[in-house]
Amino acid sequence: MKKNAAPPATLLLGPEAYQRRQIREALTAVYPEDAIARHDLQESTLAGILDDARSLSLFASERLIWVVNAEAVLPRGRAAAAAEEEESDGGGSGDAGPLNDYLANPTPGVVIVFEASRFDFEGEEKRKQERVRKFFAAIPDVVELRRFSTGDARHEAESLAHAAGFRIHPEALELLIEALGSDVARIAVEIEKLALFASGREVGVDDIAALVPDARASNIFALVNAMGRRDRAKSLEILDTLAREGEYLPLALSFLSTQFRMALVAREAGLKSAGQVQQHFTRMGIPMWGSRADQVYATVSKFSRPQLERALTLIFEADRGLRDARPDDRIVLERFILELAG
């Protein structure tokens, strides 16, 4: 795009919305509005879209044709089953002939972008994703839009906050990423809101809880952090908030279990700093970002090895208590906090 040499056809493949939006905004900014055509393959035919691409415009020598729901070209129902059987025998995936014919002699100055965002690259959808890729095999320029890893989402969120002109506390940034499941498209929207709210000051954990949808879960991570610091008063205060908001308390216990297990591993390995904690778990193949390493190391600093082992025993007992017939989750967690932070 920077070289003003966009290919005649591109396939955007995958569910990641943030990068797809960046590509769409960058491309549409190059063309005037009357030179952009938008089609939906759930409503239009592939042949009709290619006829549009072949038609010459009296008003624009260069045109952009953006096509959504590209997966709709695949056959459905019995036809889909027959197509899959044909693929297993080495055949194709539907009639891609018109697309192949067009790309053999594309219209100069016309750029077509096919957006196939329905299927993921892993799990049960992987096979359907491969069928989409096979149908559009004539398009050499394929952009794979894979979901961000937690680490990549963190780096992108830091860049977005910096570009928005405000600072965000590392712990608050982590809670933002956790609360939104590393979905950078949603993170970008919330950072825009936080930028207006912050007015240049540093954004903290309380701001995330107040402004971000689904951020009640951030109070769970705040509870984990308070317990890791052996801060009994703060832990009970956060537990009261969680109980009043109707939060699912066993989830908090699950996160606490992970925190203390990591802390025990770090102590047994003799790690002496947050940096060593991060390096150790990264070498083990466990994603570990800086603020998370700080939390684990803070727990290591506050608890001896016998205390960490006792904490895991208490977590087991609390988990068993939560599974009793009609337990009072709050009382179970209060008893756990008093015993652990006592």
Protein backbone atom coordinates (compact mmCIF):
# COMPACT_ATOMS: atom_id res chain seq x y z
CA MET A 1 0.00 0.00 0.00
CA LYS A 2 2.87 2.39 0.81
CA LYS A 3 4.32 1.66 -2.62
CA ASN A 4 0.92 2.30 -4.22
CA ALA A 5 1.05 -1.20 -5.67
CA ALA A 6 -1.85 -3.10 -4.10
CA PRO A 7 -2.42 -6.52 -5.72
CA PRO A 8 -5.52 -7.03 -7.88
CA ALA A 9 -7.02 -9.36 -5.25
CA THR A 10 -6.31 -10.02 -1.58
CA LEU A 11 -7.82 -12.51 0.85
CA LEU A 12 -8.07 -11.47 4.52
CA LEU A 13 -8.32 -14.80 6.31
CA GLY A 14 -9.06 -15.17 10.01
CA PRO A 15 -11.14 -13.79 12.90
CA GLU A 16 -8.82 -11.08 14.27
CA ALA A 17 -10.81 -7.84 13.97
CA TYR A 18 -8.26 -5.20 15.00
CA GLN A 19 -5.78 -5.73 12.16
CA ARG A 20 -8.61 -6.22 9.66
CA ARG A 21 -10.00 -2.82 10.65
CA GLN A 22 -6.54 -1.25 10.26
CA ILE A 23 -6.22 -2.67 6.76
CA ARG A 24 -9.71 -1.53 5.79
CA GLU A 25 -9.18 2.00 7.11
CA ALA A 26 -5.80 2.32 5.40
CA LEU A 27 -7.10 1.08 2.04
CA THR A 28 -10.34 3.06 2.01
CA ALA A 29 -8.39 6.23 2.85
CA VAL A 30 -6.59 5.93 -0.52
CA TYR A 31 -9.77 5.96 -2.63
CA PRO A 32 -12.54 8.55 -2.89
CA GLU A 33 -15.89 7.35 -1.59
CA ASP A 34 -17.44 7.05 -5.06
CA ALA A 35 -14.58 4.74 -6.10
CA ILE A 36 -15.36 2.19 -3.36
CA ALA A 37 -17.89 -0.59 -3.86
CA ARG A 38 -19.03 -2.86 -1.04
CA HIS A 39 -20.52 -6.31 -1.54
CA ASP A 40 -21.73 -9.12 0.70
CA LEU A 41 -21.41 -12.66 -0.65
CA GLN A 42 -24.45 -13.65 1.39
CA GLU A 43 -26.47 -11.29 -0.79
CA SER A 44 -24.51 -11.14 -4.05
CA THR A 45 -22.99 -13.80 -6.30
CA LEU A 46 -19.29 -14.12 -6.98
CA ALA A 47 -19.97 -13.82 -10.70
CA GLY A 48 -21.87 -10.57 -10.15
CA ILE A 49 -19.04 -9.10 -8.08
CA LEU A 50 -16.48 -10.03 -10.75
CA ASP A 51 -18.71 -8.44 -13.42
CA ASP A 52 -18.62 -5.26 -11.31
CA ALA A 53 -14.82 -5.48 -11.21
CA ARG A 54 -14.68 -5.80 -15.00
CA SER A 55 -16.94 -2.82 -15.61
CA LEU A 56 -15.17 0.46 -16.30
CA SER A 57 -16.11 3.57 -14.34
CA LEU A 58 -16.52 6.95 -16.01
CA PHE A 59 -15.61 8.73 -12.79
CA ALA A 60 -12.69 6.75 -11.30
CA SER A 61 -9.79 5.05 -13.03
CA GLU A 62 -8.88 3.23 -9.80
CA ARG A 63 -11.45 1.40 -7.71
CA LEU A 64 -11.64 -0.63 -4.50
CA ILE A 65 -14.14 -3.47 -4.19
CA TRP A 66 -14.53 -4.73 -0.62
CA VAL A 67 -16.30 -8.09 -0.24
CA VAL A 68 -17.43 -9.39 3.17
CA ASN A 69 -18.62 -12.87 4.16
CA ALA A 70 -16.36 -14.50 1.59
CA GLU A 71 -17.08 -17.88 3.24
CA ALA A 72 -20.57 -17.75 1.75
CA VAL A 73 -19.18 -19.01 -1.58
CA LEU A 74 -18.74 -22.44 -0.02
CA PRO A 75 -21.59 -24.92 -0.57
CA ARG A 76 -23.91 -25.69 2.33
CA GLY A 77 -25.94 -28.59 3.58
CA ARG A 78 -25.82 -31.67 1.34
CA ALA A 79 -23.76 -29.75 -1.19
CA ALA A 80 -21.18 -29.01 1.52
CA ALA A 81 -21.01 -32.69 2.47
CA ALA A 82 -20.53 -33.62 -1.18
CA ALA A 83 -17.83 -30.96 -1.55
CA GLU A 84 -15.97 -32.27 1.51
CA GLU A 85 -16.15 -35.79 0.10
CA GLU A 86 -14.83 -34.48 -3.20
CA GLU A 87 -11.94 -32.79 -1.38
CA SER A 88 -11.05 -36.02 0.39
CA ASP A 89 -10.85 -37.62 -3.08
CA GLY A 90 -8.50 -34.87 -4.25
CA GLY A 91 -11.10 -32.63 -5.88
CA GLY A 92 -11.75 -28.94 -5.43
CA SER A 93 -13.98 -26.92 -3.09
CA GLY A 94 -16.82 -25.48 -5.15
CA ASP A 95 -16.71 -23.61 -8.44
CA ALA A 96 -13.81 -21.17 -8.29
CA GLY A 97 -13.58 -21.05 -12.10
CA PRO A 98 -14.93 -17.48 -12.50
CA LEU A 99 -12.39 -16.16 -9.99
CA ASN A 100 -9.55 -18.04 -11.69
CA ASP A 101 -10.60 -16.62 -15.07
CA TYR A 102 -10.76 -13.08 -13.72
CA LEU A 103 -7.34 -13.23 -12.02
CA ALA A 104 -5.79 -14.51 -15.26
CA ASN A 105 -6.61 -11.07 -16.71
CA PRO A 106 -7.63 -8.66 -13.90
CA THR A 107 -8.98 -5.20 -14.64
CA PRO A 108 -6.20 -2.61 -14.34
CA GLY A 109 -6.62 -0.22 -11.42
CA VAL A 110 -9.20 -2.39 -9.63
CA VAL A 111 -8.39 -3.90 -6.22
CA ILE A 112 -10.67 -6.58 -4.76
CA VAL A 113 -10.44 -7.51 -1.06
CA PHE A 114 -12.23 -10.67 0.09
CA GLU A 115 -12.87 -10.73 3.85
CA ALA A 116 -13.26 -14.24 5.36
CA SER A 117 -13.49 -13.77 9.11
CA ARG A 118 -15.90 -16.45 10.26
CA PHE A 119 -13.57 -19.38 10.90
CA ASP A 120 -10.54 -19.72 13.16
CA PHE A 121 -7.25 -21.48 12.43
CA GLU A 122 -7.56 -24.00 15.26
CA GLY A 123 -10.02 -26.54 16.60
CA GLU A 124 -13.20 -27.63 14.86
CA GLU A 125 -13.16 -24.66 12.47
CA LYS A 126 -9.73 -25.43 11.04
CA ARG A 127 -11.10 -27.72 8.33
CA LYS A 128 -13.63 -25.10 7.20
CA GLN A 129 -10.87 -22.52 7.18
CA GLU A 130 -8.84 -24.74 4.87
CA ARG A 131 -11.82 -25.09 2.53
CA VAL A 132 -12.03 -21.28 2.28
CA ARG A 133 -8.31 -21.05 1.57
CA LYS A 134 -8.58 -23.76 -1.08
CA PHE A 135 -11.48 -22.06 -2.86
CA PHE A 136 -9.51 -18.80 -3.09
CA ALA A 137 -6.24 -20.55 -3.96
CA ALA A 138 -5.92 -18.44 -7.12
CA ILE A 139 -5.29 -15.39 -4.90
CA PRO A 140 -1.57 -15.39 -4.04
CA ASP A 141 -1.83 -12.50 -1.57
CA VAL A 142 -3.34 -13.94 1.62
CA VAL A 143 -3.17 -12.05 4.93
CA GLU A 144 -3.66 -14.37 7.90
CA LEU A 145 -5.40 -12.52 10.74
CA ARG A 146 -4.66 -14.72 13.74
CA ARG A 147 -5.73 -13.80 17.25
CA PHE A 148 -3.16 -11.94 19.35
CA SER A 149 -1.26 -13.83 22.01
CA THR A 150 -1.38 -12.35 25.51
CA GLY A 151 2.13 -10.95 25.13
CA ASP A 152 1.41 -9.39 21.73
CA ALA A 153 -1.85 -7.94 23.03
CA ARG A 154 0.05 -6.35 25.91
CA HIS A 155 2.63 -4.76 23.58
CA GLU A 156 -0.10 -3.42 21.30
CA ALA A 157 -2.08 -2.05 24.26
CA GLU A 158 1.02 -0.27 25.56
CA SER A 159 1.56 1.29 22.13
CA LEU A 160 -2.07 2.38 21.91
CA ALA A 161 -1.97 3.97 25.37
CA HIS A 162 1.26 5.79 24.52
CA ALA A 163 -0.23 7.04 21.24
CA ALA A 164 -3.35 8.19 23.11
CA GLY A 165 -1.16 10.31 25.39
CA PHE A 166 -1.73 8.75 28.81
CA ARG A 167 0.06 6.39 31.16
CA ILE A 168 -1.46 3.17 32.43
CA HIS A 169 -0.17 1.35 35.50
CA PRO A 170 1.29 -2.08 34.60
CA GLU A 171 -1.14 -3.82 36.94
CA ALA A 172 -4.08 -1.96 35.41
CA LEU A 173 -2.85 -2.84 31.91
CA GLU A 174 -2.69 -6.49 32.83
CA LEU A 175 -6.21 -6.41 34.24
CA LEU A 176 -7.47 -4.70 31.11
CA ILE A 177 -5.97 -7.43 28.93
CA GLU A 178 -7.28 -10.21 31.16
CA ALA A 179 -10.77 -8.69 31.42
CA LEU A 180 -11.08 -8.43 27.63
CA GLY A 181 -9.50 -11.79 26.84
CA SER A 182 -6.58 -10.26 24.86
CA ASP A 183 -9.06 -9.06 22.22
CA VAL A 184 -7.11 -6.11 20.82
CA ALA A 185 -10.11 -4.74 18.90
CA ARG A 186 -11.99 -4.33 22.20
CA ILE A 187 -8.86 -3.16 24.01
CA ALA A 188 -8.40 -0.39 21.42
CA VAL A 189 -11.97 0.84 22.00
CA GLU A 190 -11.54 0.85 25.77
CA ILE A 191 -8.21 2.68 25.53
CA GLU A 192 -9.96 5.43 23.54
CA LYS A 193 -12.46 5.74 26.39
CA LEU A 194 -9.73 5.69 29.03
CA ALA A 195 -7.83 8.43 27.21
CA LEU A 196 -10.84 10.75 27.50
CA PHE A 197 -11.38 9.77 31.13
CA ALA A 198 -7.75 10.05 32.24
CA SER A 199 -7.04 13.58 30.96
CA GLY A 200 -3.30 12.96 31.08
CA ARG A 201 -3.05 11.25 34.47
CA GLU A 202 -2.04 7.64 35.05
CA VAL A 203 -4.86 5.10 34.73
CA GLY A 204 -5.09 2.65 37.63
CA VAL A 205 -6.94 -0.54 38.50
CA ASP A 206 -9.97 1.32 39.86
CA ASP A 207 -10.38 3.13 36.54
CA ILE A 208 -10.44 -0.19 34.67
CA ALA A 209 -13.08 -1.56 37.03
CA ALA A 210 -15.18 1.57 36.64
CA LEU A 211 -15.10 1.96 32.84
CA VAL A 212 -14.38 -1.33 31.12
CA PRO A 213 -17.26 -3.76 30.39
CA ASP A 214 -16.71 -7.19 31.98
CA ALA A 215 -14.11 -5.58 34.24
CA ARG A 216 -15.77 -6.81 37.37
CA ALA A 217 -13.42 -9.70 36.75
CA SER A 218 -10.57 -7.26 37.33
CA ASN A 219 -11.56 -7.24 41.01
CA ILE A 220 -10.75 -10.94 41.03
CA PHE A 221 -7.21 -10.21 39.89
CA ALA A 222 -7.00 -7.42 42.47
CA LEU A 223 -7.95 -9.99 45.12
CA VAL A 224 -5.22 -12.32 43.85
CA ASN A 225 -2.68 -9.51 44.09
CA ALA A 226 -3.77 -8.50 47.60
CA MET A 227 -3.56 -12.11 48.79
CA GLY A 228 -0.13 -12.42 47.21
CA ARG A 229 0.97 -9.44 49.33
CA ARG A 230 -0.65 -10.94 52.48
CA ASP A 231 -2.81 -7.81 52.73
CA ARG A 232 -5.69 -9.17 54.81
CA ALA A 233 -7.69 -5.93 55.09
CA LYS A 234 -7.56 -5.22 51.35
CA SER A 235 -8.39 -8.85 50.54
CA LEU A 236 -11.51 -8.79 52.71
CA GLU A 237 -12.55 -5.44 51.24
CA ILE A 238 -12.26 -6.77 47.66
CA LEU A 239 -14.06 -9.99 48.64
CA ASP A 240 -16.94 -7.86 49.98
CA THR A 241 -17.11 -6.03 46.64
CA LEU A 242 -17.10 -9.29 44.69
CA ALA A 243 -19.84 -10.76 46.86
CA ARG A 244 -22.06 -7.67 46.51
CA GLU A 245 -21.62 -7.70 42.73
CA GLY A 246 -22.57 -11.37 42.56
CA GLU A 247 -19.21 -12.44 41.15
CA TYR A 248 -18.43 -16.14 40.74
CA LEU A 249 -16.07 -16.63 43.70
CA PRO A 250 -14.68 -20.06 42.71
CA LEU A 251 -13.05 -18.24 39.79
CA ALA A 252 -11.03 -16.15 42.24
CA LEU A 253 -9.87 -19.30 43.97
CA SER A 254 -8.76 -20.76 40.64
CA PHE A 255 -6.58 -17.72 39.93
CA LEU A 256 -5.16 -17.86 43.46
CA SER A 257 -4.20 -21.47 42.90
CA THR A 258 -2.26 -20.54 39.75
CA GLN A 259 -0.51 -17.66 41.54
CA PHE A 260 0.68 -19.75 44.47
CA ARG A 261 1.73 -22.68 42.30
CA MET A 262 3.91 -20.37 40.23
CA ALA A 263 5.32 -18.82 43.40
CA LEU A 264 6.22 -22.25 44.78
CA VAL A 265 7.95 -23.18 41.52
CA ALA A 266 9.87 -19.89 41.61
CA ARG A 267 10.97 -20.45 45.21
CA GLU A 268 12.05 -24.03 44.54
CA ALA A 269 14.07 -22.76 41.55
CA GLY A 270 15.77 -20.19 43.77
CA LEU A 271 14.72 -17.21 41.63
CA LYS A 272 15.89 -13.91 43.10
CA SER A 273 14.05 -11.27 41.05
CA ALA A 274 10.99 -10.64 38.92
CA GLY A 275 13.24 -10.70 35.85
CA GLN A 276 14.45 -14.18 36.70
CA VAL A 277 10.85 -15.29 37.26
CA GLN A 278 9.87 -14.02 33.82
CA GLN A 279 12.84 -15.68 32.12
CA HIS A 280 12.32 -18.98 33.96
CA PHE A 281 8.66 -19.38 33.01
CA THR A 282 9.25 -18.15 29.46
CA ARG A 283 11.89 -20.87 28.99
CA MET A 284 9.31 -23.38 30.24
CA GLY A 285 6.94 -22.24 27.49
CA ILE A 286 4.59 -20.39 29.87
CA PRO A 287 3.79 -16.81 28.73
CA MET A 288 4.95 -14.41 31.44
CA TRP A 289 4.90 -10.63 31.11
CA GLY A 290 6.63 -8.17 33.41
CA SER A 291 3.82 -7.19 35.77
CA ARG A 292 2.76 -10.80 36.16
CA ALA A 293 6.34 -11.71 37.09
CA ASP A 294 6.28 -8.86 39.65
CA GLN A 295 3.16 -10.35 41.24
CA VAL A 296 4.61 -13.85 41.42
CA TYR A 297 7.86 -12.56 42.90
CA ALA A 298 5.94 -10.44 45.44
CA THR A 299 4.21 -13.64 46.57
CA VAL A 300 7.57 -15.43 46.80
CA SER A 301 8.88 -12.56 48.95
CA LYS A 302 5.92 -12.69 51.36
CA PHE A 303 5.65 -16.46 51.80
CA SER A 304 8.22 -19.03 52.80
CA ARG A 305 8.21 -22.44 51.15
CA PRO A 306 6.26 -24.06 54.04
CA GLN A 307 3.77 -21.19 53.90
CA LEU A 308 3.33 -21.60 50.15
CA GLU A 309 2.73 -25.33 50.60
CA ARG A 310 0.23 -24.54 53.37
CA ALA A 311 -1.46 -22.01 51.06
CA LEU A 312 -2.01 -24.70 48.43
CA THR A 313 -3.46 -26.98 51.10
CA LEU A 314 -5.83 -24.20 52.19
CA ILE A 315 -6.82 -23.61 48.56
CA PHE A 316 -7.65 -27.31 48.21
CA GLU A 317 -9.76 -27.20 51.38
CA ALA A 318 -11.54 -24.03 50.25
CA ASP A 319 -12.26 -25.59 46.87
CA ARG A 320 -13.73 -28.62 48.60
CA GLY A 321 -15.81 -26.31 50.79
CA LEU A 322 -17.18 -24.50 47.74
CA ARG A 323 -18.30 -27.86 46.35
CA ASP A 324 -20.33 -28.77 49.45
CA ALA A 325 -24.10 -28.86 49.24
CA ARG A 326 -25.39 -25.26 49.17
CA PRO A 327 -22.21 -23.64 50.53
CA ASP A 328 -21.95 -19.95 51.44
CA ASP A 329 -19.14 -19.02 49.08
CA ARG A 330 -18.37 -15.79 50.89
CA ILE A 331 -17.91 -17.46 54.27
CA VAL A 332 -15.66 -20.11 52.71
CA LEU A 333 -13.46 -17.44 51.10
CA GLU A 334 -13.40 -15.27 54.24
CA ARG A 335 -12.19 -18.21 56.31
CA PHE A 336 -9.56 -18.95 53.67
CA ILE A 337 -8.30 -15.33 53.69
CA LEU A 338 -8.12 -15.17 57.48
CA GLU A 339 -6.17 -18.43 57.68
CA LEU A 340 -3.82 -17.60 54.82
CA ALA A 341 -3.06 -13.99 55.71
CA GLY A 342 -3.01 -14.53 59.45
